[in-house]
Each structure stands twice: as structure tokens, then as C-alpha cells.
Amino acid sequence: TTGIVAYYAVGKSVGNQLIFNPQESFGNRIYGAAAQVYEHYKPEDPH
């Protein structure tokens, strides 16, 4: 519900590999979920 925790977690990598790739189906849906946190709680936040 904070926004920034979702923002941080969704961008994490292991080595050079993204944990959530927005150009893959699962990773894209997780990015959508993270964006929704801001849409619901902090719509004005640029993140």
C-alpha cells in the first residue's frame, strides 16, 4: 500500500537478469499490479 516498496521490488535483478521482465507475460502482469498500487493510493506520484 506504500507504492515505493512495490516500485523497488518490481525492479530488482539477480546478477544481470531482471526478476520481473515487463516484456514477458508474468513480469508484465506484476508491473501492472505495481502500477495499480500508485493508481489507488498515490495517483499524483510520478513513480
All heavy atoms as atom14 arrays in JSON, in Angstrom:
{
  "sequence": "TTGIVAYYAVGKSVGNQLIFNPQESFGNRIYGAAAQVYEHYKPEDPH",
  "atom14_mask": [
    [1, 1, 1, 1, 1, 1, 1, 0, 0, 0, 0, 0, 0, 0],
    [1, 1, 1, 1, 1, 1, 1, 0, 0, 0, 0, 0, 0, 0],
    [1, 1, 1, 1, 0, 0, 0, 0, 0, 0, 0, 0, 0, 0],
    [1, 1, 1, 1, 1, 1, 1, 1, 0, 0, 0, 0, 0, 0],
    [1, 1, 1, 1, 1, 1, 1, 0, 0, 0, 0, 0, 0, 0],
    [1, 1, 1, 1, 1, 0, 0, 0, 0, 0, 0, 0, 0, 0],
    [1, 1, 1, 1, 1, 1, 1, 1, 1, 1, 1, 1, 0, 0],
    [1, 1, 1, 1, 1, 1, 1, 1, 1, 1, 1, 1, 0, 0],
    [1, 1, 1, 1, 1, 0, 0, 0, 0, 0, 0, 0, 0, 0],
    [1, 1, 1, 1, 1, 1, 1, 0, 0, 0, 0, 0, 0, 0],
    [1, 1, 1, 1, 0, 0, 0, 0, 0, 0, 0, 0, 0, 0],
    [1, 1, 1, 1, 1, 1, 1, 1, 1, 0, 0, 0, 0, 0],
    [1, 1, 1, 1, 1, 1, 0, 0, 0, 0, 0, 0, 0, 0],
    [1, 1, 1, 1, 1, 1, 1, 0, 0, 0, 0, 0, 0, 0],
    [1, 1, 1, 1, 0, 0, 0, 0, 0, 0, 0, 0, 0, 0],
    [1, 1, 1, 1, 1, 1, 1, 1, 0, 0, 0, 0, 0, 0],
    [1, 1, 1, 1, 1, 1, 1, 1, 1, 0, 0, 0, 0, 0],
    [1, 1, 1, 1, 1, 1, 1, 1, 0, 0, 0, 0, 0, 0],
    [1, 1, 1, 1, 1, 1, 1, 1, 0, 0, 0, 0, 0, 0],
    [1, 1, 1, 1, 1, 1, 1, 1, 1, 1, 1, 0, 0, 0],
    [1, 1, 1, 1, 1, 1, 1, 1, 0, 0, 0, 0, 0, 0],
    [1, 1, 1, 1, 1, 1, 1, 0, 0, 0, 0, 0, 0, 0],
    [1, 1, 1, 1, 1, 1, 1, 1, 1, 0, 0, 0, 0, 0],
    [1, 1, 1, 1, 1, 1, 1, 1, 1, 0, 0, 0, 0, 0],
    [1, 1, 1, 1, 1, 1, 0, 0, 0, 0, 0, 0, 0, 0],
    [1, 1, 1, 1, 1, 1, 1, 1, 1, 1, 1, 0, 0, 0],
    [1, 1, 1, 1, 0, 0, 0, 0, 0, 0, 0, 0, 0, 0],
    [1, 1, 1, 1, 1, 1, 1, 1, 0, 0, 0, 0, 0, 0],
    [1, 1, 1, 1, 1, 1, 1, 1, 1, 1, 1, 0, 0, 0],
    [1, 1, 1, 1, 1, 1, 1, 1, 0, 0, 0, 0, 0, 0],
    [1, 1, 1, 1, 1, 1, 1, 1, 1, 1, 1, 1, 0, 0],
    [1, 1, 1, 1, 0, 0, 0, 0, 0, 0, 0, 0, 0, 0],
    [1, 1, 1, 1, 1, 0, 0, 0, 0, 0, 0, 0, 0, 0],
    [1, 1, 1, 1, 1, 0, 0, 0, 0, 0, 0, 0, 0, 0],
    [1, 1, 1, 1, 1, 0, 0, 0, 0, 0, 0, 0, 0, 0],
    [1, 1, 1, 1, 1, 1, 1, 1, 1, 0, 0, 0, 0, 0],
    [1, 1, 1, 1, 1, 1, 1, 0, 0, 0, 0, 0, 0, 0],
    [1, 1, 1, 1, 1, 1, 1, 1, 1, 1, 1, 1, 0, 0],
    [1, 1, 1, 1, 1, 1, 1, 1, 1, 0, 0, 0, 0, 0],
    [1, 1, 1, 1, 1, 1, 1, 1, 1, 1, 0, 0, 0, 0],
    [1, 1, 1, 1, 1, 1, 1, 1, 1, 1, 1, 1, 0, 0],
    [1, 1, 1, 1, 1, 1, 1, 1, 1, 0, 0, 0, 0, 0],
    [1, 1, 1, 1, 1, 1, 1, 0, 0, 0, 0, 0, 0, 0],
    [1, 1, 1, 1, 1, 1, 1, 1, 1, 0, 0, 0, 0, 0],
    [1, 1, 1, 1, 1, 1, 1, 1, 0, 0, 0, 0, 0, 0],
    [1, 1, 1, 1, 1, 1, 1, 0, 0, 0, 0, 0, 0, 0],
    [1, 1, 1, 1, 1, 1, 1, 1, 1, 1, 0, 0, 0, 0]
  ],
  "atom14_positions": [
    [[0.82, -1.22, 0.0], [0.0, 0.0, 0.0], [0.86, 1.26, 0.0], [0.32, 2.36, -0.04], [-0.92, 0.04, 1.23], [-0.13, 0.02, 2.43], [-1.89, -1.14, 1.24], [0.0, 0.0, 0.0], [0.0, 0.0, 0.0], [0.0, 0.0, 0.0], [0.0, 0.0, 0.0], [0.0, 0.0, 0.0], [0.0, 0.0, 0.0], [0.0, 0.0, 0.0]],
    [[2.17, 1.11, 0.03], [3.05, 2.28, 0.08], [3.41, 2.81, -1.3], [3.69, 3.99, -1.47], [4.37, 1.96, 0.81], [5.16, 1.06, 0.0], [4.11, 1.32, 2.16], [0.0, 0.0, 0.0], [0.0, 0.0, 0.0], [0.0, 0.0, 0.0], [0.0, 0.0, 0.0], [0.0, 0.0, 0.0], [0.0, 0.0, 0.0], [0.0, 0.0, 0.0]],
    [[3.43, 1.94, -2.29], [3.88, 2.32, -3.62], [5.36, 2.1, -3.8], [5.79, 1.33, -4.66], [0.0, 0.0, 0.0], [0.0, 0.0, 0.0], [0.0, 0.0, 0.0], [0.0, 0.0, 0.0], [0.0, 0.0, 0.0], [0.0, 0.0, 0.0], [0.0, 0.0, 0.0], [0.0, 0.0, 0.0], [0.0, 0.0, 0.0], [0.0, 0.0, 0.0]],
    [[6.17, 2.7, -2.95], [7.61, 2.65, -3.16], [8.18, 1.27, -2.93], [9.17, 0.87, -3.55], [8.33, 3.7, -2.27], [9.73, 4.01, -2.82], [8.36, 3.27, -0.83], [9.74, 4.66, -4.18], [0.0, 0.0, 0.0], [0.0, 0.0, 0.0], [0.0, 0.0, 0.0], [0.0, 0.0, 0.0], [0.0, 0.0, 0.0], [0.0, 0.0, 0.0]],
    [[7.57, 0.46, -2.06], [8.04, -0.91, -1.84], [7.78, -1.74, -3.09], [8.65, -2.5, -3.54], [7.37, -1.53, -0.6], [7.79, -3.0, -0.46], [7.74, -0.76, 0.65], [0.0, 0.0, 0.0], [0.0, 0.0, 0.0], [0.0, 0.0, 0.0], [0.0, 0.0, 0.0], [0.0, 0.0, 0.0], [0.0, 0.0, 0.0], [0.0, 0.0, 0.0]],
    [[6.6, -1.59, -3.69], [6.29, -2.28, -4.95], [7.23, -1.8, -6.05], [7.73, -2.6, -6.85], [4.84, -2.03, -5.34], [0.0, 0.0, 0.0], [0.0, 0.0, 0.0], [0.0, 0.0, 0.0], [0.0, 0.0, 0.0], [0.0, 0.0, 0.0], [0.0, 0.0, 0.0], [0.0, 0.0, 0.0], [0.0, 0.0, 0.0], [0.0, 0.0, 0.0]],
    [[7.46, -0.5, -6.11], [8.35, 0.1, -7.11], [9.76, -0.5, -7.0], [10.39, -0.83, -8.0], [8.39, 1.61, -6.9], [9.22, 2.38, -7.89], [8.65, 2.82, -9.1], [10.55, 2.69, -7.64], [9.41, 3.55, -10.01], [11.31, 3.4, -8.54], [10.73, 3.83, -9.73], [11.49, 4.55, -10.64], [0.0, 0.0, 0.0], [0.0, 0.0, 0.0]],
    [[10.23, -0.64, -5.76], [11.57, -1.19, -5.54], [11.63, -2.66, -5.89], [12.53, -3.11, -6.61], [11.96, -0.98, -4.08], [13.31, -1.53, -3.72], [14.47, -1.01, -4.29], [13.45, -2.58, -2.81], [15.72, -1.5, -3.96], [14.69, -3.08, -2.48], [15.83, -2.54, -3.05], [17.08, -3.04, -2.74], [0.0, 0.0, 0.0], [0.0, 0.0, 0.0]],
    [[10.65, -3.43, -5.42], [10.68, -4.88, -5.61], [10.56, -5.27, -7.08], [11.21, -6.2, -7.54], [9.56, -5.54, -4.8], [0.0, 0.0, 0.0], [0.0, 0.0, 0.0], [0.0, 0.0, 0.0], [0.0, 0.0, 0.0], [0.0, 0.0, 0.0], [0.0, 0.0, 0.0], [0.0, 0.0, 0.0], [0.0, 0.0, 0.0], [0.0, 0.0, 0.0]],
    [[9.72, -4.56, -7.84], [9.48, -4.93, -9.22], [10.71, -4.69, -10.1], [10.86, -5.33, -11.14], [8.24, -4.18, -9.79], [8.6, -2.76, -10.21], [7.61, -4.94, -10.94], [0.0, 0.0, 0.0], [0.0, 0.0, 0.0], [0.0, 0.0, 0.0], [0.0, 0.0, 0.0], [0.0, 0.0, 0.0], [0.0, 0.0, 0.0], [0.0, 0.0, 0.0]],
    [[11.59, -3.81, -9.66], [12.78, -3.51, -10.46], [14.03, -4.29, -10.07], [15.1, -4.05, -10.62], [0.0, 0.0, 0.0], [0.0, 0.0, 0.0], [0.0, 0.0, 0.0], [0.0, 0.0, 0.0], [0.0, 0.0, 0.0], [0.0, 0.0, 0.0], [0.0, 0.0, 0.0], [0.0, 0.0, 0.0], [0.0, 0.0, 0.0], [0.0, 0.0, 0.0]],
    [[13.91, -5.23, -9.14], [15.08, -5.96, -8.67], [15.63, -6.92, -9.73], [14.9, -7.43, -10.57], [14.74, -6.76, -7.4], [14.42, -5.92, -6.19], [15.63, -5.13, -5.7], [16.64, -6.02, -5.03], [17.82, -5.22, -4.53], [0.0, 0.0, 0.0], [0.0, 0.0, 0.0], [0.0, 0.0, 0.0], [0.0, 0.0, 0.0], [0.0, 0.0, 0.0]],
    [[16.93, -7.14, -9.64], [17.62, -8.06, -10.55], [18.44, -9.06, -9.75], [18.8, -8.81, -8.6], [18.56, -7.3, -11.49], [17.85, -6.37, -12.29], [0.0, 0.0, 0.0], [0.0, 0.0, 0.0], [0.0, 0.0, 0.0], [0.0, 0.0, 0.0], [0.0, 0.0, 0.0], [0.0, 0.0, 0.0], [0.0, 0.0, 0.0], [0.0, 0.0, 0.0]],
    [[18.72, -10.19, -10.38], [19.68, -11.15, -9.84], [20.79, -11.27, -10.86], [20.58, -11.75, -11.97], [19.02, -12.52, -9.59], [20.07, -13.53, -9.14], [17.93, -12.41, -8.54], [0.0, 0.0, 0.0], [0.0, 0.0, 0.0], [0.0, 0.0, 0.0], [0.0, 0.0, 0.0], [0.0, 0.0, 0.0], [0.0, 0.0, 0.0], [0.0, 0.0, 0.0]],
    [[21.98, -10.78, -10.49], [23.03, -10.66, -11.48], [22.61, -9.65, -12.52], [22.25, -8.52, -12.21], [0.0, 0.0, 0.0], [0.0, 0.0, 0.0], [0.0, 0.0, 0.0], [0.0, 0.0, 0.0], [0.0, 0.0, 0.0], [0.0, 0.0, 0.0], [0.0, 0.0, 0.0], [0.0, 0.0, 0.0], [0.0, 0.0, 0.0], [0.0, 0.0, 0.0]],
    [[22.62, -10.05, -13.78], [22.17, -9.18, -14.86], [20.76, -9.5, -15.34], [20.32, -8.98, -16.36], [23.16, -9.25, -16.05], [24.52, -8.71, -15.7], [24.64, -7.72, -14.99], [25.57, -9.38, -16.19], [0.0, 0.0, 0.0], [0.0, 0.0, 0.0], [0.0, 0.0, 0.0], [0.0, 0.0, 0.0], [0.0, 0.0, 0.0], [0.0, 0.0, 0.0]],
    [[20.08, -10.39, -14.61], [18.75, -10.83, -15.04], [17.66, -10.17, -14.21], [17.68, -10.2, -12.98], [18.62, -12.35, -14.9], [17.28, -12.89, -15.4], [17.19, -14.4, -15.32], [18.1, -15.06, -14.81], [16.11, -14.95, -15.82], [0.0, 0.0, 0.0], [0.0, 0.0, 0.0], [0.0, 0.0, 0.0], [0.0, 0.0, 0.0], [0.0, 0.0, 0.0]],
    [[16.72, -9.52, -14.89], [15.57, -8.94, -14.22], [14.73, -10.05, -13.6], [14.48, -11.08, -14.24], [14.7, -8.16, -15.21], [15.24, -6.82, -15.72], [14.36, -6.32, -16.87], [15.27, -5.79, -14.59], [0.0, 0.0, 0.0], [0.0, 0.0, 0.0], [0.0, 0.0, 0.0], [0.0, 0.0, 0.0], [0.0, 0.0, 0.0], [0.0, 0.0, 0.0]],
    [[14.29, -9.86, -12.36], [13.39, -10.83, -11.74], [12.03, -10.77, -12.43], [11.41, -11.8, -12.71], [13.27, -10.57, -10.23], [14.63, -10.78, -9.55], [12.21, -11.48, -9.6], [14.66, -10.39, -8.09], [0.0, 0.0, 0.0], [0.0, 0.0, 0.0], [0.0, 0.0, 0.0], [0.0, 0.0, 0.0], [0.0, 0.0, 0.0], [0.0, 0.0, 0.0]],
    [[11.58, -9.57, -12.73], [10.32, -9.37, -13.45], [10.6, -8.61, -14.75], [10.93, -7.43, -14.72], [9.32, -8.57, -12.6], [9.0, -9.22, -11.29], [9.5, -8.7, -10.1], [8.2, -10.35, -11.24], [9.2, -9.29, -8.89], [7.91, -10.96, -10.02], [8.41, -10.42, -8.85], [0.0, 0.0, 0.0], [0.0, 0.0, 0.0], [0.0, 0.0, 0.0]],
    [[10.5, -9.32, -15.85], [10.72, -8.71, -17.16], [9.38, -8.21, -17.69], [8.48, -9.01, -17.94], [11.33, -9.74, -18.12], [11.7, -9.13, -19.46], [11.23, -8.06, -19.83], [12.56, -9.82, -20.19], [0.0, 0.0, 0.0], [0.0, 0.0, 0.0], [0.0, 0.0, 0.0], [0.0, 0.0, 0.0], [0.0, 0.0, 0.0], [0.0, 0.0, 0.0]],
    [[9.21, -6.9, -17.88], [7.92, -6.38, -18.34], [7.54, -6.81, -19.75], [6.4, -6.62, -20.17], [8.1, -4.86, -18.25], [9.58, -4.64, -18.35], [10.2, -5.83, -17.68], [0.0, 0.0, 0.0], [0.0, 0.0, 0.0], [0.0, 0.0, 0.0], [0.0, 0.0, 0.0], [0.0, 0.0, 0.0], [0.0, 0.0, 0.0], [0.0, 0.0, 0.0]],
    [[8.51, -7.41, -20.49], [8.22, -7.89, -21.83], [7.94, -9.39, -21.85], [7.88, -10.0, -22.92], [9.37, -7.52, -22.77], [9.55, -6.02, -22.93], [10.57, -5.66, -23.98], [11.01, -6.49, -24.78], [10.95, -4.39, -24.02], [0.0, 0.0, 0.0], [0.0, 0.0, 0.0], [0.0, 0.0, 0.0], [0.0, 0.0, 0.0], [0.0, 0.0, 0.0]],
    [[7.76, -9.98, -20.67], [7.29, -11.35, -20.54], [5.94, -11.32, -19.82], [5.68, -10.42, -19.02], [8.29, -12.2, -19.75], [9.62, -12.39, -20.46], [10.63, -13.15, -19.62], [10.34, -13.43, -18.44], [11.71, -13.46, -20.16], [0.0, 0.0, 0.0], [0.0, 0.0, 0.0], [0.0, 0.0, 0.0], [0.0, 0.0, 0.0], [0.0, 0.0, 0.0]],
    [[5.1, -12.29, -20.11], [3.72, -12.24, -19.65], [3.6, -12.08, -18.13], [2.9, -11.2, -17.63], [2.97, -13.51, -20.1], [1.62, -13.44, -19.71], [0.0, 0.0, 0.0], [0.0, 0.0, 0.0], [0.0, 0.0, 0.0], [0.0, 0.0, 0.0], [0.0, 0.0, 0.0], [0.0, 0.0, 0.0], [0.0, 0.0, 0.0], [0.0, 0.0, 0.0]],
    [[4.29, -12.94, -17.36], [4.18, -12.88, -15.91], [4.72, -11.56, -15.37], [4.08, -10.89, -14.55], [4.92, -14.05, -15.26], [4.85, -14.06, -13.76], [3.71, -14.49, -13.11], [5.93, -13.64, -13.0], [3.64, -14.5, -11.72], [5.88, -13.65, -11.62], [4.73, -14.08, -10.98], [0.0, 0.0, 0.0], [0.0, 0.0, 0.0], [0.0, 0.0, 0.0]],
    [[5.91, -11.17, -15.82], [6.51, -9.93, -15.36], [5.68, -8.72, -15.72], [5.57, -7.77, -14.94], [0.0, 0.0, 0.0], [0.0, 0.0, 0.0], [0.0, 0.0, 0.0], [0.0, 0.0, 0.0], [0.0, 0.0, 0.0], [0.0, 0.0, 0.0], [0.0, 0.0, 0.0], [0.0, 0.0, 0.0], [0.0, 0.0, 0.0], [0.0, 0.0, 0.0]],
    [[5.04, -8.75, -16.89], [4.2, -7.63, -17.3], [3.01, -7.47, -16.38], [2.62, -6.35, -16.01], [3.75, -7.83, -18.75], [2.98, -6.65, -19.28], [1.76, -6.68, -19.39], [3.69, -5.58, -19.62], [0.0, 0.0, 0.0], [0.0, 0.0, 0.0], [0.0, 0.0, 0.0], [0.0, 0.0, 0.0], [0.0, 0.0, 0.0], [0.0, 0.0, 0.0]],
    [[2.4, -8.58, -15.97], [1.25, -8.5, -15.07], [1.66, -7.99, -13.7], [0.91, -7.26, -13.03], [0.6, -9.88, -14.96], [-0.01, -10.34, -16.29], [-0.33, -11.8, -16.29], [-1.69, -12.06, -15.83], [-2.25, -13.26, -15.83], [-1.55, -14.3, -16.25], [-3.47, -13.42, -15.41], [0.0, 0.0, 0.0], [0.0, 0.0, 0.0], [0.0, 0.0, 0.0]],
    [[2.87, -8.34, -13.25], [3.36, -7.84, -11.97], [3.61, -6.33, -12.06], [3.3, -5.57, -11.13], [4.64, -8.58, -11.55], [4.31, -10.03, -11.18], [5.3, -7.89, -10.37], [3.47, -10.18, -9.93], [0.0, 0.0, 0.0], [0.0, 0.0, 0.0], [0.0, 0.0, 0.0], [0.0, 0.0, 0.0], [0.0, 0.0, 0.0], [0.0, 0.0, 0.0]],
    [[4.14, -5.86, -13.18], [4.3, -4.41, -13.38], [2.95, -3.72, -13.34], [2.81, -2.62, -12.79], [5.02, -4.12, -14.7], [6.49, -3.89, -14.54], [7.39, -4.95, -14.57], [7.0, -2.61, -14.34], [8.75, -4.74, -14.4], [8.36, -2.39, -14.18], [9.23, -3.46, -14.21], [10.58, -3.26, -14.04], [0.0, 0.0, 0.0], [0.0, 0.0, 0.0]],
    [[1.95, -4.36, -13.93], [0.6, -3.79, -13.89], [0.08, -3.69, -12.47], [-0.55, -2.7, -12.08], [0.0, 0.0, 0.0], [0.0, 0.0, 0.0], [0.0, 0.0, 0.0], [0.0, 0.0, 0.0], [0.0, 0.0, 0.0], [0.0, 0.0, 0.0], [0.0, 0.0, 0.0], [0.0, 0.0, 0.0], [0.0, 0.0, 0.0], [0.0, 0.0, 0.0]],
    [[0.36, -4.72, -11.66], [-0.07, -4.71, -10.26], [0.63, -3.61, -9.48], [0.02, -2.91, -8.66], [0.19, -6.07, -9.62], [0.0, 0.0, 0.0], [0.0, 0.0, 0.0], [0.0, 0.0, 0.0], [0.0, 0.0, 0.0], [0.0, 0.0, 0.0], [0.0, 0.0, 0.0], [0.0, 0.0, 0.0], [0.0, 0.0, 0.0], [0.0, 0.0, 0.0]],
    [[1.94, -3.43, -9.73], [2.7, -2.38, -9.05], [2.18, -1.0, -9.44], [2.06, -0.1, -8.6], [4.19, -2.5, -9.38], [0.0, 0.0, 0.0], [0.0, 0.0, 0.0], [0.0, 0.0, 0.0], [0.0, 0.0, 0.0], [0.0, 0.0, 0.0], [0.0, 0.0, 0.0], [0.0, 0.0, 0.0], [0.0, 0.0, 0.0], [0.0, 0.0, 0.0]],
    [[1.85, -0.83, -10.73], [1.3, 0.45, -11.18], [-0.04, 0.73, -10.52], [-0.37, 1.89, -10.22], [1.15, 0.45, -12.7], [0.0, 0.0, 0.0], [0.0, 0.0, 0.0], [0.0, 0.0, 0.0], [0.0, 0.0, 0.0], [0.0, 0.0, 0.0], [0.0, 0.0, 0.0], [0.0, 0.0, 0.0], [0.0, 0.0, 0.0], [0.0, 0.0, 0.0]],
    [[-0.8, -0.32, -10.27], [-2.11, -0.15, -9.63], [-1.99, 0.37, -8.2], [-2.87, 1.09, -7.72], [-2.87, -1.47, -9.62], [-3.64, -1.74, -10.87], [-4.64, -2.86, -10.67], [-4.55, -3.63, -9.72], [-5.59, -2.94, -11.55], [0.0, 0.0, 0.0], [0.0, 0.0, 0.0], [0.0, 0.0, 0.0], [0.0, 0.0, 0.0], [0.0, 0.0, 0.0]],
    [[-0.93, 0.0, -7.51], [-0.73, 0.49, -6.14], [-0.73, 2.02, -6.15], [-1.4, 2.67, -5.34], [0.58, -0.05, -5.53], [0.79, 0.54, -4.14], [0.56, -1.57, -5.47], [0.0, 0.0, 0.0], [0.0, 0.0, 0.0], [0.0, 0.0, 0.0], [0.0, 0.0, 0.0], [0.0, 0.0, 0.0], [0.0, 0.0, 0.0], [0.0, 0.0, 0.0]],
    [[0.01, 2.6, -7.09], [0.06, 4.06, -7.19], [-1.28, 4.61, -7.66], [-1.73, 5.66, -7.19], [1.17, 4.49, -8.15], [2.53, 4.43, -7.52], [3.35, 3.32, -7.67], [3.0, 5.49, -6.75], [4.6, 3.27, -7.08], [4.24, 5.44, -6.15], [5.05, 4.33, -6.32], [6.28, 4.28, -5.72], [0.0, 0.0, 0.0], [0.0, 0.0, 0.0]],
    [[-1.92, 3.91, -8.59], [-3.2, 4.37, -9.12], [-4.24, 4.47, -8.01], [-5.07, 5.38, -7.98], [-3.67, 3.4, -10.21], [-4.72, 3.97, -11.13], [-4.89, 3.08, -12.36], [-4.17, 3.29, -13.35], [-5.74, 2.18, -12.31], [0.0, 0.0, 0.0], [0.0, 0.0, 0.0], [0.0, 0.0, 0.0], [0.0, 0.0, 0.0], [0.0, 0.0, 0.0]],
    [[-4.17, 3.55, -7.05], [-5.16, 3.51, -5.97], [-4.8, 4.42, -4.8], [-5.67, 5.04, -4.21], [-5.32, 2.08, -5.45], [-5.88, 1.15, -6.47], [-5.67, -0.21, -6.43], [-6.63, 1.36, -7.57], [-6.27, -0.79, -7.46], [-6.85, 0.15, -8.16], [0.0, 0.0, 0.0], [0.0, 0.0, 0.0], [0.0, 0.0, 0.0], [0.0, 0.0, 0.0]],
    [[-3.51, 4.47, -4.46], [-3.11, 5.14, -3.23], [-2.4, 6.48, -3.46], [-2.53, 7.39, -2.63], [-2.19, 4.24, -2.4], [-2.9, 3.03, -1.85], [-2.78, 1.79, -2.47], [-3.7, 3.12, -0.72], [-3.43, 0.66, -1.96], [-4.35, 2.01, -0.2], [-4.22, 0.79, -0.83], [-4.87, -0.32, -0.34], [0.0, 0.0, 0.0], [0.0, 0.0, 0.0]],
    [[-1.62, 6.6, -4.53], [-0.83, 7.81, -4.75], [-0.86, 8.19, -6.23], [0.16, 8.13, -6.92], [0.6, 7.6, -4.28], [0.72, 7.29, -2.79], [2.16, 7.13, -2.35], [2.25, 6.88, -0.85], [3.66, 6.72, -0.41], [0.0, 0.0, 0.0], [0.0, 0.0, 0.0], [0.0, 0.0, 0.0], [0.0, 0.0, 0.0], [0.0, 0.0, 0.0]],
    [[-2.03, 8.57, -6.74], [-2.16, 8.83, -8.18], [-1.3, 9.97, -8.71], [-1.01, 10.01, -9.9], [-3.65, 9.14, -8.34], [-4.11, 9.56, -6.99], [-3.3, 8.76, -6.03], [0.0, 0.0, 0.0], [0.0, 0.0, 0.0], [0.0, 0.0, 0.0], [0.0, 0.0, 0.0], [0.0, 0.0, 0.0], [0.0, 0.0, 0.0], [0.0, 0.0, 0.0]],
    [[-0.88, 10.89, -7.86], [-0.07, 12.03, -8.31], [1.42, 11.74, -8.29], [2.21, 12.52, -8.83], [-0.37, 13.26, -7.43], [-1.83, 13.67, -7.39], [-2.37, 13.99, -8.78], [-1.64, 14.61, -9.56], [-3.52, 13.61, -9.07], [0.0, 0.0, 0.0], [0.0, 0.0, 0.0], [0.0, 0.0, 0.0], [0.0, 0.0, 0.0], [0.0, 0.0, 0.0]],
    [[1.83, 10.64, -7.67], [3.25, 10.32, -7.55], [3.82, 9.93, -8.9], [3.3, 9.03, -9.57], [3.42, 9.17, -6.54], [4.87, 8.98, -6.11], [5.75, 9.03, -6.98], [5.1, 8.77, -4.92], [0.0, 0.0, 0.0], [0.0, 0.0, 0.0], [0.0, 0.0, 0.0], [0.0, 0.0, 0.0], [0.0, 0.0, 0.0], [0.0, 0.0, 0.0]],
    [[4.9, 10.58, -9.35], [5.47, 10.27, -10.69], [6.0, 8.85, -10.84], [6.12, 8.35, -11.96], [6.59, 11.3, -10.85], [6.91, 11.76, -9.46], [5.62, 11.68, -8.7], [0.0, 0.0, 0.0], [0.0, 0.0, 0.0], [0.0, 0.0, 0.0], [0.0, 0.0, 0.0], [0.0, 0.0, 0.0], [0.0, 0.0, 0.0], [0.0, 0.0, 0.0]],
    [[6.31, 8.18, -9.73], [6.78, 6.8, -9.84], [5.71, 5.91, -10.48], [6.03, 4.96, -11.19], [7.14, 6.24, -8.46], [8.31, 6.91, -7.81], [8.21, 8.08, -7.1], [9.62, 6.56, -7.78], [9.39, 8.43, -6.64], [10.27, 7.52, -7.04], [0.0, 0.0, 0.0], [0.0, 0.0, 0.0], [0.0, 0.0, 0.0], [0.0, 0.0, 0.0]]
  ]
}
